[in-house]
Amino acid sequence: MRNPAIKRILQEMKEFQKEDGSEMLAVALEDNVFEWHFAIRGPPDTEFEGGIYHGRILLPPEYPFKPPSFLMLTPNGRFETGVKICLSISSHHPEHWQPSWSVRTALTALVAFMPTPGGGAIGSLDYTKDEKLVLVRKSRAEPPTFGSAARQQIIQEVHQRMLDYKAPSKQPQEAAEQQDSKSDTADLQSAGRPAAPVAQSWEDLALTVLAGVICFLIALLLLRKVIVASGADITSSL
């Protein structure tokens, strides 16, 4: 019977083969599926944006019931290189690990942890923003050097795939949105033209009614004066 850990790992390897490099890539060694090489992109809108960061994943024989270990290979200013990183999803905290989590889940969490303060945790660093920006440029220029020829070949191939990835152009979508905006504006304008006379007619009607009310009040006042005057004449004649 196949080892449950190997069965799970092979399943995750198959899923990663569909990755295009938009966010991350991960490849297991051919002769040891418990050791993976990965590359992640720095999270957008942070000092890590644009960076390509390589590392290793070491899966335990009990995986997925025990968490993996992570070691960074690319200098990044947030995590030390060559040291097992202490995170809630790593082997330093097995009490937090969930068997339903995967390598993808762990790498996604790793990316999310990058812009957070190190706080003195094992394997953590707190470089300045300027220092991290310098490392971003270096991370793209060339991949790290590590291990055997087979490992280095994987590193080179993964790095090139990350560099070759081209994000889908947003221009068609933006053009469509602009066209929709123009259409909406035109509709509003065309709808507004006949509405202007209607609004004007209501104003005229209101003014007419108001003028009528004023005239009516004036007439009442005049009538009152006439009545009062008539009463005075009658009294004097008596």
Protein backbone atom coordinates (compact mmCIF):
# COMPACT_ATOMS: atom_id res chain seq x y z
CA MET A 1 0.00 0.00 0.00
CA ARG A 2 1.31 3.43 -0.90
CA ASN A 3 2.35 5.70 1.95
CA PRO A 4 -0.56 8.14 2.66
CA ALA A 5 1.93 11.01 2.82
CA ILE A 6 3.31 10.22 -0.62
CA LYS A 7 -0.20 9.92 -2.05
CA ARG A 8 -1.09 13.35 -0.71
CA ILE A 9 2.20 14.88 -1.92
CA LEU A 10 1.78 13.49 -5.44
CA GLN A 11 -1.70 14.97 -5.57
CA GLU A 12 -0.37 18.41 -4.60
CA MET A 13 2.48 18.10 -7.09
CA LYS A 14 -0.06 17.49 -9.84
CA GLU A 15 -2.03 20.58 -8.83
CA PHE A 16 1.09 22.74 -8.90
CA GLN A 17 1.84 21.66 -12.45
CA LYS A 18 -1.08 23.86 -13.50
CA GLU A 19 0.53 26.98 -12.02
CA ASP A 20 1.49 29.69 -14.49
CA GLY A 21 3.82 31.63 -12.20
CA SER A 22 1.43 34.49 -11.54
CA GLU A 23 1.83 34.12 -7.77
CA MET A 24 4.05 31.15 -6.98
CA LEU A 25 5.68 27.99 -8.26
CA ALA A 26 6.70 24.87 -6.37
CA VAL A 27 8.50 21.75 -7.63
CA ALA A 28 9.47 18.58 -5.77
CA LEU A 29 12.80 16.87 -6.32
CA GLU A 30 12.54 13.85 -8.58
CA ASP A 31 14.46 11.64 -6.16
CA ASN A 32 12.85 13.00 -2.98
CA VAL A 33 9.23 14.19 -3.04
CA PHE A 34 9.55 15.34 0.57
CA GLU A 35 11.82 18.19 -0.52
CA TRP A 36 10.34 20.97 -2.61
CA HIS A 37 11.76 24.09 -4.15
CA PHE A 38 9.49 27.13 -4.40
CA ALA A 39 9.46 30.69 -5.65
CA ILE A 40 6.96 33.32 -4.55
CA ARG A 41 6.30 36.86 -5.67
CA GLY A 42 6.49 39.70 -3.20
CA PRO A 43 3.04 40.89 -2.12
CA PRO A 44 1.75 43.87 -4.14
CA ASP A 45 1.64 47.38 -2.67
CA THR A 46 4.49 46.56 -0.29
CA GLU A 47 8.26 47.06 -0.32
CA PHE A 48 8.51 43.45 -1.58
CA GLU A 49 6.47 44.03 -4.74
CA GLY A 50 8.27 42.86 -7.86
CA GLY A 51 10.61 40.54 -5.98
CA ILE A 52 11.07 36.84 -6.74
CA TYR A 53 11.93 34.89 -3.60
CA HIS A 54 13.16 31.31 -3.65
CA GLY A 55 13.11 28.81 -0.82
CA ARG A 56 12.87 25.18 0.24
CA ILE A 57 10.05 23.18 1.78
CA LEU A 58 10.84 20.09 3.83
CA LEU A 59 7.81 17.86 4.34
CA PRO A 60 7.81 15.44 7.29
CA PRO A 61 7.05 11.72 6.78
CA GLU A 62 3.81 12.33 8.70
CA TYR A 63 2.60 14.99 6.28
CA PRO A 64 -0.13 16.27 6.13
CA PHE A 65 -0.69 15.55 9.81
CA LYS A 66 2.46 17.47 10.71
CA PRO A 67 3.49 20.83 9.22
CA PRO A 68 6.34 21.46 6.78
CA SER A 69 9.51 23.45 7.39
CA PHE A 70 10.41 26.51 5.32
CA LEU A 71 13.84 27.87 4.52
CA MET A 72 14.40 30.96 2.37
CA LEU A 73 17.23 30.99 -0.15
CA THR A 74 16.83 34.53 -1.52
CA PRO A 75 17.91 37.44 0.72
CA ASN A 76 14.76 39.45 1.33
CA GLY A 77 15.10 41.49 4.52
CA ARG A 78 12.21 39.77 6.32
CA PHE A 79 13.40 36.17 6.77
CA GLU A 80 16.89 34.84 7.25
CA THR A 81 18.25 32.54 4.57
CA GLY A 82 19.06 28.92 5.36
CA VAL A 83 17.16 29.00 8.67
CA LYS A 84 13.86 27.25 9.41
CA ILE A 85 11.32 30.03 9.67
CA CYS A 86 9.16 30.26 12.77
CA LEU A 87 5.58 30.82 11.66
CA SER A 88 2.21 29.55 12.82
CA ILE A 89 2.05 27.36 9.70
CA SER A 90 5.56 25.91 10.06
CA SER A 91 7.12 23.04 11.97
CA HIS A 92 7.84 25.37 14.89
CA HIS A 93 4.13 25.38 15.75
CA PRO A 94 2.63 21.94 15.03
CA GLU A 95 -0.24 22.72 17.39
CA HIS A 96 -1.60 25.25 14.87
CA TRP A 97 -1.31 23.08 11.79
CA GLN A 98 -4.41 21.62 10.13
CA PRO A 99 -4.20 18.47 7.93
CA SER A 100 -6.57 20.13 5.46
CA TRP A 101 -3.91 22.74 4.73
CA SER A 102 -1.55 22.23 1.84
CA VAL A 103 1.75 23.48 0.45
CA ARG A 104 -0.20 26.12 -1.44
CA THR A 105 -1.94 27.20 1.77
CA ALA A 106 1.39 27.47 3.56
CA LEU A 107 3.04 29.46 0.76
CA THR A 108 0.07 31.83 0.60
CA ALA A 109 0.45 32.41 4.33
CA LEU A 110 4.19 32.93 3.90
CA VAL A 111 3.55 35.70 1.36
CA ALA A 112 1.05 37.31 3.73
CA PHE A 113 3.61 37.28 6.56
CA MET A 114 6.29 39.07 4.51
CA PRO A 115 5.16 42.68 5.12
CA THR A 116 4.58 42.06 8.85
CA PRO A 117 7.14 42.94 11.57
CA GLY A 118 9.60 40.19 12.47
CA GLY A 119 9.18 40.71 16.18
CA GLY A 120 12.31 38.75 17.05
CA ALA A 121 10.90 35.39 15.97
CA ILE A 122 13.29 32.63 14.90
CA GLY A 123 14.46 33.25 11.35
CA SER A 124 12.95 36.75 11.21
CA LEU A 125 14.58 40.03 10.19
CA ASP A 126 13.50 43.67 10.20
CA TYR A 127 15.40 45.44 7.43
CA THR A 128 14.52 49.01 6.47
CA LYS A 129 12.26 49.71 3.51
CA ASP A 130 15.17 51.00 1.42
CA GLU A 131 17.21 47.87 2.14
CA LYS A 132 14.30 45.66 1.12
CA LEU A 133 13.85 47.59 -2.13
CA VAL A 134 17.49 46.98 -3.00
CA LEU A 135 16.98 43.26 -2.38
CA VAL A 136 13.91 43.28 -4.65
CA ARG A 137 16.06 44.31 -7.60
CA LYS A 138 18.73 41.76 -6.74
CA SER A 139 16.14 38.99 -6.39
CA ARG A 140 15.08 39.46 -10.00
CA ALA A 141 18.58 39.84 -11.41
CA GLU A 142 19.67 36.30 -10.60
CA PRO A 143 18.41 33.31 -8.61
CA PRO A 144 20.22 32.02 -5.53
CA THR A 145 22.83 29.29 -5.68
CA PHE A 146 22.12 26.22 -3.60
CA GLY A 147 22.86 22.53 -3.35
CA SER A 148 23.40 19.93 -6.00
CA ALA A 149 23.27 20.38 -9.76
CA ALA A 150 19.74 18.95 -9.82
CA ARG A 151 18.58 21.46 -7.22
CA GLN A 152 20.25 24.33 -9.01
CA GLN A 153 18.64 23.35 -12.28
CA ILE A 154 15.20 23.48 -10.67
CA ILE A 155 16.01 26.89 -9.20
CA GLN A 156 17.09 28.22 -12.58
CA GLU A 157 14.03 26.85 -14.39
CA VAL A 158 11.59 28.13 -11.79
CA HIS A 159 13.23 31.56 -11.78
CA GLN A 160 13.00 31.82 -15.55
CA ARG A 161 9.34 30.82 -15.52
CA MET A 162 8.61 33.52 -12.97
CA LEU A 163 10.41 36.09 -15.12
CA ASP A 164 8.64 34.96 -18.29
CA TYR A 165 5.17 35.27 -16.84
CA LYS A 166 3.22 38.14 -18.35
CA ALA A 167 0.16 39.41 -16.56
CA PRO A 168 -2.96 39.61 -18.77
CA SER A 169 -3.43 43.05 -20.26
CA LYS A 170 -6.19 45.09 -18.65
CA GLN A 171 -6.49 47.49 -21.59
CA PRO A 172 -9.47 45.78 -23.29
CA GLN A 173 -11.37 45.75 -20.03
CA GLU A 174 -10.52 49.38 -19.33
CA ALA A 175 -11.58 50.35 -22.85
CA ALA A 176 -14.90 48.58 -22.38
CA GLU A 177 -15.43 50.32 -19.05
CA GLN A 178 -14.67 53.69 -20.62
CA GLN A 179 -17.10 52.96 -23.47
CA ASP A 180 -19.79 51.97 -20.97
CA SER A 181 -19.12 55.19 -19.07
CA LYS A 182 -19.51 57.25 -22.24
CA SER A 183 -22.73 55.43 -23.12
CA ASP A 184 -24.12 56.05 -19.64
CA THR A 185 -23.22 59.74 -19.92
CA ALA A 186 -24.88 60.00 -23.33
CA ASP A 187 -27.99 58.27 -22.03
CA LEU A 188 -28.18 60.63 -19.09
CA GLN A 189 -27.74 63.65 -21.34
CA SER A 190 -30.34 62.48 -23.84
CA ALA A 191 -32.71 61.64 -21.03
CA GLY A 192 -32.14 65.07 -19.51
CA ARG A 193 -33.07 67.11 -22.58
CA PRO A 194 -36.83 66.42 -22.58
CA ALA A 195 -36.91 66.66 -18.82
CA ALA A 196 -35.89 70.35 -18.82
CA PRO A 197 -39.17 71.68 -20.31
CA VAL A 198 -41.16 69.49 -17.94
CA ALA A 199 -39.30 70.94 -14.99
CA GLN A 200 -39.86 74.43 -16.38
CA SER A 201 -43.61 73.87 -16.81
CA TRP A 202 -43.92 72.81 -13.19
CA GLU A 203 -42.16 76.00 -12.13
CA ASP A 204 -44.53 78.10 -14.24
CA LEU A 205 -47.52 76.32 -12.76
CA ALA A 206 -46.27 76.93 -9.23
CA LEU A 207 -45.78 80.63 -9.95
CA THR A 208 -49.25 80.87 -11.47
CA VAL A 209 -50.84 79.24 -8.41
CA LEU A 210 -48.88 81.50 -6.08
CA ALA A 211 -49.96 84.60 -8.02
CA GLY A 212 -53.57 83.45 -7.84
CA VAL A 213 -53.36 82.97 -4.08
CA ILE A 214 -51.90 86.45 -3.65
CA CYS A 215 -54.63 87.99 -5.78
CA PHE A 216 -57.26 86.13 -3.77
CA LEU A 217 -55.82 87.45 -0.49
CA ILE A 218 -55.75 91.00 -1.84
CA ALA A 219 -59.37 90.65 -2.90
CA LEU A 220 -60.34 89.48 0.58
CA LEU A 221 -58.61 92.47 2.15
CA LEU A 222 -60.42 94.88 -0.17
CA LEU A 223 -63.73 93.18 0.53
CA ARG A 224 -63.11 93.46 4.27
CA LYS A 225 -62.47 97.18 3.95
CA VAL A 226 -65.67 97.61 1.97
CA ILE A 227 -67.68 95.72 4.58
CA VAL A 228 -66.16 97.73 7.42
CA ALA A 229 -66.86 100.99 5.62
CA SER A 230 -70.45 99.97 4.90
CA GLY A 231 -70.98 99.13 8.55
CA ALA A 232 -69.69 102.52 9.64
CA ASP A 233 -72.09 104.31 7.27
CA ILE A 234 -75.08 102.38 8.61
CA THR A 235 -74.14 103.18 12.21
CA SER A 236 -73.82 106.90 11.52
CA SER A 237 -77.18 107.04 9.79
CA LEU A 238 -78.87 105.50 12.81
